[in-house]
Amino acid sequence: MWSVEHWLALANIGATIMLLGAVMAPILSLLGFEASAQAIRTVYRLLCPQRPSHSYFLFGAQLALEERMLAIVAALLVGGMLYG
């Protein structure tokens, strides 16, 4: 019953985790944690094909989500925050 009452918080937390994970992959690569960055990209590949021509790059490394997926998740988070 708790999850039904707090569905918006759960959706916002999920969107935040998705965005942070997408941004953490290039940051981890920059810091030398390539295995961790590759693990994030592998998990995110289940959701998004990660084509370089459709992706943003941060510090010279590709984000774990394509531009459109990043926009969808960001809009979900902003919409959820505004709705709350």
PDB file of N, CA and C in Angstrom:
ATOM      1  N   MET A   1       0.815  -1.180   0.000  1.00  0.00           N
ATOM      2  CA  MET A   1       0.000   0.000   0.000  1.00  0.00           C
ATOM      3  C   MET A   1       0.875   1.267   0.000  1.00  0.00           C
ATOM      4  N   TRP A   2       2.040   1.169   0.596  1.00  0.00           N
ATOM      5  CA  TRP A   2       2.939   2.329   0.660  1.00  0.00           C
ATOM      6  C   TRP A   2       3.319   2.780  -0.741  1.00  0.00           C
ATOM      7  N   SER A   3       3.599   1.829  -1.630  1.00  0.00           N
ATOM      8  CA  SER A   3       4.019   2.200  -2.986  1.00  0.00           C
ATOM      9  C   SER A   3       2.899   2.885  -3.764  1.00  0.00           C
ATOM     10  N   VAL A   4       1.653   2.554  -3.474  1.00  0.00           N
ATOM     11  CA  VAL A   4       0.528   3.210  -4.140  1.00  0.00           C
ATOM     12  C   VAL A   4       0.403   4.650  -3.662  1.00  0.00           C
ATOM     13  N   GLU A   5       0.642   4.881  -2.394  1.00  0.00           N
ATOM     14  CA  GLU A   5       0.543   6.225  -1.837  1.00  0.00           C
ATOM     15  C   GLU A   5       1.700   7.120  -2.259  1.00  0.00           C
ATOM     16  N   HIS A   6       2.851   6.537  -2.542  1.00  0.00           N
ATOM     17  CA  HIS A   6       4.052   7.306  -2.852  1.00  0.00           C
ATOM     18  C   HIS A   6       4.555   7.040  -4.271  1.00  0.00           C
ATOM     19  N   TRP A   7       3.637   6.825  -5.206  1.00  0.00           N
ATOM     20  CA  TRP A   7       4.019   6.500  -6.580  1.00  0.00           C
ATOM     21  C   TRP A   7       4.808   7.614  -7.239  1.00  0.00           C
ATOM     22  N   LEU A   8       4.482   8.853  -6.946  1.00  0.00           N
ATOM     23  CA  LEU A   8       5.173   9.964  -7.583  1.00  0.00           C
ATOM     24  C   LEU A   8       6.620  10.059  -7.090  1.00  0.00           C
ATOM     25  N   ALA A   9       6.810   9.866  -5.806  1.00  0.00           N
ATOM     26  CA  ALA A   9       8.176   9.880  -5.268  1.00  0.00           C
ATOM     27  C   ALA A   9       9.002   8.752  -5.878  1.00  0.00           C
ATOM     28  N   LEU A  10       8.415   7.589  -6.032  1.00  0.00           N
ATOM     29  CA  LEU A  10       9.125   6.461  -6.634  1.00  0.00           C
ATOM     30  C   LEU A  10       9.470   6.732  -8.093  1.00  0.00           C
ATOM     31  N   ALA A  11       8.548   7.352  -8.836  1.00  0.00           N
ATOM     32  CA  ALA A  11       8.814   7.685 -10.237  1.00  0.00           C
ATOM     33  C   ALA A  11       9.920   8.734 -10.336  1.00  0.00           C
ATOM     34  N   ASN A  12       9.891   9.736  -9.466  1.00  0.00           N
ATOM     35  CA  ASN A  12      10.925  10.768  -9.476  1.00  0.00           C
ATOM     36  C   ASN A  12      12.290  10.206  -9.082  1.00  0.00           C
ATOM     37  N   ILE A  13      12.306   9.318  -8.119  1.00  0.00           N
ATOM     38  CA  ILE A  13      13.571   8.679  -7.719  1.00  0.00           C
ATOM     39  C   ILE A  13      14.116   7.831  -8.863  1.00  0.00           C
ATOM     40  N   GLY A  14      13.245   7.082  -9.532  1.00  0.00           N
ATOM     41  CA  GLY A  14      13.680   6.272 -10.668  1.00  0.00           C
ATOM     42  C   GLY A  14      14.244   7.115 -11.796  1.00  0.00           C
ATOM     43  N   ALA A  15      13.587   8.235 -12.103  1.00  0.00           N
ATOM     44  CA  ALA A  15      14.081   9.121 -13.166  1.00  0.00           C
ATOM     45  C   ALA A  15      15.414   9.743 -12.773  1.00  0.00           C
ATOM     46  N   THR A  16      15.551  10.111 -11.509  1.00  0.00           N
ATOM     47  CA  THR A  16      16.811  10.689 -11.030  1.00  0.00           C
ATOM     48  C   THR A  16      17.947   9.682 -11.141  1.00  0.00           C
ATOM     49  N   ILE A  17      17.693   8.449 -10.760  1.00  0.00           N
ATOM     50  CA  ILE A  17      18.709   7.399 -10.854  1.00  0.00           C
ATOM     51  C   ILE A  17      19.104   7.167 -12.309  1.00  0.00           C
ATOM     52  N   MET A  18      18.112   7.186 -13.215  1.00  0.00           N
ATOM     53  CA  MET A  18      18.407   7.009 -14.643  1.00  0.00           C
ATOM     54  C   MET A  18      19.302   8.132 -15.164  1.00  0.00           C
ATOM     55  N   LEU A  19      18.985   9.369 -14.794  1.00  0.00           N
ATOM     56  CA  LEU A  19      19.790  10.509 -15.255  1.00  0.00           C
ATOM     57  C   LEU A  19      21.192  10.472 -14.662  1.00  0.00           C
ATOM     58  N   LEU A  20      21.280  10.194 -13.372  1.00  0.00           N
ATOM     59  CA  LEU A  20      22.597  10.153 -12.737  1.00  0.00           C
ATOM     60  C   LEU A  20      23.463   9.036 -13.313  1.00  0.00           C
ATOM     61  N   GLY A  21      22.867   7.896 -13.584  1.00  0.00           N
ATOM     62  CA  GLY A  21      23.621   6.801 -14.175  1.00  0.00           C
ATOM     63  C   GLY A  21      24.151   7.143 -15.555  1.00  0.00           C
ATOM     64  N   ALA A  22      23.318   7.819 -16.352  1.00  0.00           N
ATOM     65  CA  ALA A  22      23.733   8.199 -17.708  1.00  0.00           C
ATOM     66  C   ALA A  22      24.900   9.171 -17.675  1.00  0.00           C
ATOM     67  N   VAL A  23      24.897  10.067 -16.697  1.00  0.00           N
ATOM     68  CA  VAL A  23      25.963  11.062 -16.590  1.00  0.00           C
ATOM     69  C   VAL A  23      27.198  10.484 -15.882  1.00  0.00           C
ATOM     70  N   MET A  24      26.994   9.514 -15.012  1.00  0.00           N
ATOM     71  CA  MET A  24      28.120   8.941 -14.273  1.00  0.00           C
ATOM     72  C   MET A  24      29.046   8.115 -15.150  1.00  0.00           C
ATOM     73  N   ALA A  25      28.536   7.529 -16.215  1.00  0.00           N
ATOM     74  CA  ALA A  25      29.386   6.696 -17.079  1.00  0.00           C
ATOM     75  C   ALA A  25      30.579   7.474 -17.632  1.00  0.00           C
ATOM     76  N   PRO A  26      30.407   8.654 -18.236  1.00  0.00           N
ATOM     77  CA  PRO A  26      31.590   9.378 -18.718  1.00  0.00           C
ATOM     78  C   PRO A  26      32.459   9.923 -17.589  1.00  0.00           C
ATOM     79  N   ILE A  27      31.842  10.268 -16.466  1.00  0.00           N
ATOM     80  CA  ILE A  27      32.628  10.762 -15.330  1.00  0.00           C
ATOM     81  C   ILE A  27      33.512   9.646 -14.786  1.00  0.00           C
ATOM     82  N   LEU A  28      32.955   8.450 -14.675  1.00  0.00           N
ATOM     83  CA  LEU A  28      33.760   7.308 -14.213  1.00  0.00           C
ATOM     84  C   LEU A  28      34.881   6.993 -15.199  1.00  0.00           C
ATOM     85  N   SER A  29      34.603   7.111 -16.494  1.00  0.00           N
ATOM     86  CA  SER A  29      35.654   6.903 -17.500  1.00  0.00           C
ATOM     87  C   SER A  29      36.771   7.920 -17.331  1.00  0.00           C
ATOM     88  N   LEU A  30      36.394   9.165 -17.087  1.00  0.00           N
ATOM     89  CA  LEU A  30      37.375  10.225 -16.893  1.00  0.00           C
ATOM     90  C   LEU A  30      38.253   9.961 -15.675  1.00  0.00           C
ATOM     91  N   LEU A  31      37.654   9.421 -14.619  1.00  0.00           N
ATOM     92  CA  LEU A  31      38.382   9.154 -13.385  1.00  0.00           C
ATOM     93  C   LEU A  31      39.175   7.848 -13.426  1.00  0.00           C
ATOM     94  N   GLY A  32      39.048   7.109 -14.521  1.00  0.00           N
ATOM     95  CA  GLY A  32      39.827   5.880 -14.672  1.00  0.00           C
ATOM     96  C   GLY A  32      39.098   4.612 -14.261  1.00  0.00           C
ATOM     97  N   PHE A  33      37.828   4.709 -13.939  1.00  0.00           N
ATOM     98  CA  PHE A  33      37.044   3.539 -13.560  1.00  0.00           C
ATOM     99  C   PHE A  33      36.290   3.018 -14.782  1.00  0.00           C
ATOM    100  N   GLU A  34      37.037   2.587 -15.770  1.00  0.00           N
ATOM    101  CA  GLU A  34      36.457   2.177 -17.051  1.00  0.00           C
ATOM    102  C   GLU A  34      35.560   0.948 -16.906  1.00  0.00           C
ATOM    103  N   ALA A  35      35.910   0.020 -16.024  1.00  0.00           N
ATOM    104  CA  ALA A  35      35.080  -1.178 -15.844  1.00  0.00           C
ATOM    105  C   ALA A  35      33.701  -0.807 -15.299  1.00  0.00           C
ATOM    106  N   SER A  36      33.654   0.112 -14.367  1.00  0.00           N
ATOM    107  CA  SER A  36      32.372   0.562 -13.819  1.00  0.00           C
ATOM    108  C   SER A  36      31.558   1.309 -14.867  1.00  0.00           C
ATOM    109  N   ALA A  37      32.221   2.162 -15.636  1.00  0.00           N
ATOM    110  CA  ALA A  37      31.541   2.899 -16.692  1.00  0.00           C
ATOM    111  C   ALA A  37      30.980   1.939 -17.736  1.00  0.00           C
ATOM    112  N   GLN A  38      31.748   0.924 -18.087  1.00  0.00           N
ATOM    113  CA  GLN A  38      31.282  -0.054 -19.075  1.00  0.00           C
ATOM    114  C   GLN A  38      30.117  -0.869 -18.527  1.00  0.00           C
ATOM    115  N   ALA A  39      30.114  -1.156 -17.227  1.00  0.00           N
ATOM    116  CA  ALA A  39      28.988  -1.878 -16.619  1.00  0.00           C
ATOM    117  C   ALA A  39      27.710  -1.054 -16.708  1.00  0.00           C
ATOM    118  N   ILE A  40      27.817   0.249 -16.462  1.00  0.00           N
ATOM    119  CA  ILE A  40      26.649   1.130 -16.584  1.00  0.00           C
ATOM    120  C   ILE A  40      26.157   1.153 -18.026  1.00  0.00           C
ATOM    121  N   ARG A  41      27.068   1.285 -18.969  1.00  0.00           N
ATOM    122  CA  ARG A  41      26.668   1.317 -20.381  1.00  0.00           C
ATOM    123  C   ARG A  41      25.999   0.011 -20.806  1.00  0.00           C
ATOM    124  N   THR A  42      26.490  -1.105 -20.292  1.00  0.00           N
ATOM    125  CA  THR A  42      25.906  -2.407 -20.625  1.00  0.00           C
ATOM    126  C   THR A  42      24.476  -2.504 -20.114  1.00  0.00           C
ATOM    127  N   VAL A  43      24.229  -2.048 -18.900  1.00  0.00           N
ATOM    128  CA  VAL A  43      22.867  -2.077 -18.350  1.00  0.00           C
ATOM    129  C   VAL A  43      21.959  -1.137 -19.134  1.00  0.00           C
ATOM    130  N   TYR A  44      22.443   0.043 -19.443  1.00  0.00           N
ATOM    131  CA  TYR A  44      21.640   1.025 -20.167  1.00  0.00           C
ATOM    132  C   TYR A  44      21.408   0.615 -21.620  1.00  0.00           C
ATOM    133  N   ARG A  45      22.241  -0.243 -22.155  1.00  0.00           N
ATOM    134  CA  ARG A  45      22.069  -0.713 -23.530  1.00  0.00           C
ATOM    135  C   ARG A  45      20.770  -1.522 -23.668  1.00  0.00           C
ATOM    136  N   LEU A  46      20.266  -2.055 -22.575  1.00  0.00           N
ATOM    137  CA  LEU A  46      18.980  -2.758 -22.611  1.00  0.00           C
ATOM    138  C   LEU A  46      17.832  -1.796 -22.905  1.00  0.00           C
ATOM    139  N   LEU A  47      18.013  -0.518 -22.568  1.00  0.00           N
ATOM    140  CA  LEU A  47      16.979   0.490 -22.771  1.00  0.00           C
ATOM    141  C   LEU A  47      17.194   1.336 -24.020  1.00  0.00           C
ATOM    142  N   CYS A  48      18.445   1.482 -24.422  1.00  0.00           N
ATOM    143  CA  CYS A  48      18.779   2.448 -25.456  1.00  0.00           C
ATOM    144  C   CYS A  48      19.980   1.931 -26.258  1.00  0.00           C
ATOM    145  N   PRO A  49      19.942   2.030 -27.596  1.00  0.00           N
ATOM    146  CA  PRO A  49      21.039   1.482 -28.403  1.00  0.00           C
ATOM    147  C   PRO A  49      22.365   2.242 -28.300  1.00  0.00           C
ATOM    148  N   GLN A  50      22.349   3.483 -27.800  1.00  0.00           N
ATOM    149  CA  GLN A  50      23.562   4.273 -27.574  1.00  0.00           C
ATOM    150  C   GLN A  50      24.392   4.476 -28.838  1.00  0.00           C
ATOM    151  N   ARG A  51      23.748   4.915 -29.905  1.00  0.00           N
ATOM    152  CA  ARG A  51      24.470   5.223 -31.135  1.00  0.00           C
ATOM    153  C   ARG A  51      25.231   6.529 -30.964  1.00  0.00           C
ATOM    154  N   PRO A  52      26.516   6.560 -31.301  1.00  0.00           N
ATOM    155  CA  PRO A  52      27.308   7.786 -31.119  1.00  0.00           C
ATOM    156  C   PRO A  52      26.751   8.987 -31.880  1.00  0.00           C
ATOM    157  N   SER A  53      26.142   8.752 -33.033  1.00  0.00           N
ATOM    158  CA  SER A  53      25.609   9.868 -33.820  1.00  0.00           C
ATOM    159  C   SER A  53      24.363  10.490 -33.178  1.00  0.00           C
ATOM    160  N   HIS A  54      23.760   9.812 -32.213  1.00  0.00           N
ATOM    161  CA  HIS A  54      22.551  10.298 -31.560  1.00  0.00           C
ATOM    162  C   HIS A  54      22.803  10.625 -30.086  1.00  0.00           C
ATOM    163  N   SER A  55      24.040  10.732 -29.661  1.00  0.00           N
ATOM    164  CA  SER A  55      24.361  10.885 -28.244  1.00  0.00           C
ATOM    165  C   SER A  55      25.125  12.161 -27.958  1.00  0.00           C
ATOM    166  N   TYR A  56      25.002  12.591 -26.721  1.00  0.00           N
ATOM    167  CA  TYR A  56      25.831  13.685 -26.220  1.00  0.00           C
ATOM    168  C   TYR A  56      27.123  13.091 -25.676  1.00  0.00           C
ATOM    169  N   PHE A  57      28.165  13.910 -25.649  1.00  0.00           N
ATOM    170  CA  PHE A  57      29.450  13.491 -25.095  1.00  0.00           C
ATOM    171  C   PHE A  57      29.816  14.439 -23.969  1.00  0.00           C
ATOM    172  N   LEU A  58      30.322  13.886 -22.893  1.00  0.00           N
ATOM    173  CA  LEU A  58      30.741  14.657 -21.732  1.00  0.00           C
ATOM    174  C   LEU A  58      32.191  14.279 -21.439  1.00  0.00           C
ATOM    175  N   PHE A  59      33.071  15.260 -21.433  1.00  0.00           N
ATOM    176  CA  PHE A  59      34.504  15.021 -21.223  1.00  0.00           C
ATOM    177  C   PHE A  59      35.073  14.068 -22.265  1.00  0.00           C
ATOM    178  N   GLY A  60      34.530  14.078 -23.465  1.00  0.00           N
ATOM    179  CA  GLY A  60      35.009  13.228 -24.540  1.00  0.00           C
ATOM    180  C   GLY A  60      34.478  11.812 -24.514  1.00  0.00           C
ATOM    181  N   ALA A  61      33.619  11.497 -23.554  1.00  0.00           N
ATOM    182  CA  ALA A  61      33.044  10.149 -23.463  1.00  0.00           C
ATOM    183  C   ALA A  61      31.533  10.235 -23.665  1.00  0.00           C
ATOM    184  N   GLN A  62      30.980   9.223 -24.287  1.00  0.00           N
ATOM    185  CA  GLN A  62      29.564   9.188 -24.618  1.00  0.00           C
ATOM    186  C   GLN A  62      28.719   8.957 -23.373  1.00  0.00           C
ATOM    187  N   LEU A  63      27.596   9.684 -23.276  1.00  0.00           N
ATOM    188  CA  LEU A  63      26.641   9.426 -22.206  1.00  0.00           C
ATOM    189  C   LEU A  63      26.005   8.064 -22.429  1.00  0.00           C
ATOM    190  N   ALA A  64      25.455   7.487 -21.372  1.00  0.00           N
ATOM    191  CA  ALA A  64      24.889   6.144 -21.460  1.00  0.00           C
ATOM    192  C   ALA A  64      23.494   6.117 -22.078  1.00  0.00           C
ATOM    193  N   LEU A  65      22.910   7.287 -22.348  1.00  0.00           N
ATOM    194  CA  LEU A  65      21.610   7.369 -23.015  1.00  0.00           C
ATOM    195  C   LEU A  65      21.726   8.281 -24.225  1.00  0.00           C
ATOM    196  N   GLU A  66      20.959   7.971 -25.249  1.00  0.00           N
ATOM    197  CA  GLU A  66      20.913   8.851 -26.410  1.00  0.00           C
ATOM    198  C   GLU A  66      20.172  10.135 -26.049  1.00  0.00           C
ATOM    199  N   GLU A  67      20.280  11.127 -26.934  1.00  0.00           N
ATOM    200  CA  GLU A  67      19.668  12.437 -26.697  1.00  0.00           C
ATOM    201  C   GLU A  67      18.177  12.324 -26.411  1.00  0.00           C
ATOM    202  N   ARG A  68      17.466  11.541 -27.209  1.00  0.00           N
ATOM    203  CA  ARG A  68      16.012  11.456 -27.046  1.00  0.00           C
ATOM    204  C   ARG A  68      15.632  10.787 -25.729  1.00  0.00           C
ATOM    205  N   MET A  69      16.348   9.748 -25.349  1.00  0.00           N
ATOM    206  CA  MET A  69      16.053   9.081 -24.080  1.00  0.00           C
ATOM    207  C   MET A  69      16.390   9.977 -22.898  1.00  0.00           C
ATOM    208  N   LEU A  70      17.474  10.708 -23.021  1.00  0.00           N
ATOM    209  CA  LEU A  70      17.847  11.648 -21.980  1.00  0.00           C
ATOM    210  C   LEU A  70      16.755  12.707 -21.820  1.00  0.00           C
ATOM    211  N   ALA A  71      16.224  13.202 -22.940  1.00  0.00           N
ATOM    212  CA  ALA A  71      15.153  14.195 -22.897  1.00  0.00           C
ATOM    213  C   ALA A  71      13.870  13.615 -22.309  1.00  0.00           C
ATOM    214  N   ILE A  72      13.556  12.377 -22.640  1.00  0.00           N
ATOM    215  CA  ILE A  72      12.353  11.744 -22.110  1.00  0.00           C
ATOM    216  C   ILE A  72      12.444  11.604 -20.597  1.00  0.00           C
ATOM    217  N   VAL A  73      13.570  11.107 -20.106  1.00  0.00           N
ATOM    218  CA  VAL A  73      13.727  10.892 -18.673  1.00  0.00           C
ATOM    219  C   VAL A  73      13.785  12.227 -17.925  1.00  0.00           C
ATOM    220  N   ALA A  74      14.453  13.218 -18.500  1.00  0.00           N
ATOM    221  CA  ALA A  74      14.509  14.538 -17.869  1.00  0.00           C
ATOM    222  C   ALA A  74      13.122  15.170 -17.817  1.00  0.00           C
ATOM    223  N   ALA A  75      12.349  15.037 -18.893  1.00  0.00           N
ATOM    224  CA  ALA A  75      10.992  15.577 -18.899  1.00  0.00           C
ATOM    225  C   ALA A  75      10.109  14.848 -17.895  1.00  0.00           C
ATOM    226  N   LEU A  76      10.299  13.557 -17.752  1.00  0.00           N
ATOM    227  CA  LEU A  76       9.558  12.789 -16.756  1.00  0.00           C
ATOM    228  C   LEU A  76       9.852  13.305 -15.351  1.00  0.00           C
ATOM    229  N   LEU A  77      11.117  13.565 -15.090  1.00  0.00           N
ATOM    230  CA  LEU A  77      11.506  14.077 -13.772  1.00  0.00           C
ATOM    231  C   LEU A  77      10.947  15.476 -13.541  1.00  0.00           C
ATOM    232  N   VAL A  78      11.099  16.364 -14.502  1.00  0.00           N
ATOM    233  CA  VAL A  78      10.587  17.730 -14.357  1.00  0.00           C
ATOM    234  C   VAL A  78       9.066  17.720 -14.220  1.00  0.00           C
ATOM    235  N   GLY A  79       8.399  16.933 -15.049  1.00  0.00           N
ATOM    236  CA  GLY A  79       6.951  16.831 -14.948  1.00  0.00           C
ATOM    237  C   GLY A  79       6.495  16.274 -13.612  1.00  0.00           C
ATOM    238  N   GLY A  80       7.195  15.276 -13.120  1.00  0.00           N
ATOM    239  CA  GLY A  80       6.861  14.715 -11.818  1.00  0.00           C
ATOM    240  C   GLY A  80       7.073  15.697 -10.685  1.00  0.00           C
ATOM    241  N   MET A  81       8.134  16.484 -10.788  1.00  0.00           N
ATOM    242  CA  MET A  81       8.397  17.488  -9.763  1.00  0.00           C
ATOM    243  C   MET A  81       7.342  18.597  -9.807  1.00  0.00           C
ATOM    244  N   LEU A  82       6.957  19.015 -11.005  1.00  0.00           N
ATOM    245  CA  LEU A  82       5.921  20.036 -11.129  1.00  0.00           C
ATOM    246  C   LEU A  82       4.560  19.522 -10.673  1.00  0.00           C
ATOM    247  N   TYR A  83       4.273  18.275 -10.966  1.00  0.00           N
ATOM    248  CA  TYR A  83       3.012  17.686 -10.555  1.00  0.00           C
ATOM    249  C   TYR A  83       2.916  17.612  -9.034  1.00  0.00           C
ATOM    250  N   GLY A  84       4.045  17.295  -8.407  1.00  0.00           N
ATOM    251  CA  GLY A  84       4.083  17.198  -6.939  1.00  0.00           C
ATOM    252  C   GLY A  84       3.882  18.540  -6.300  1.00  0.00           C
TER     253      GLY A  84
END
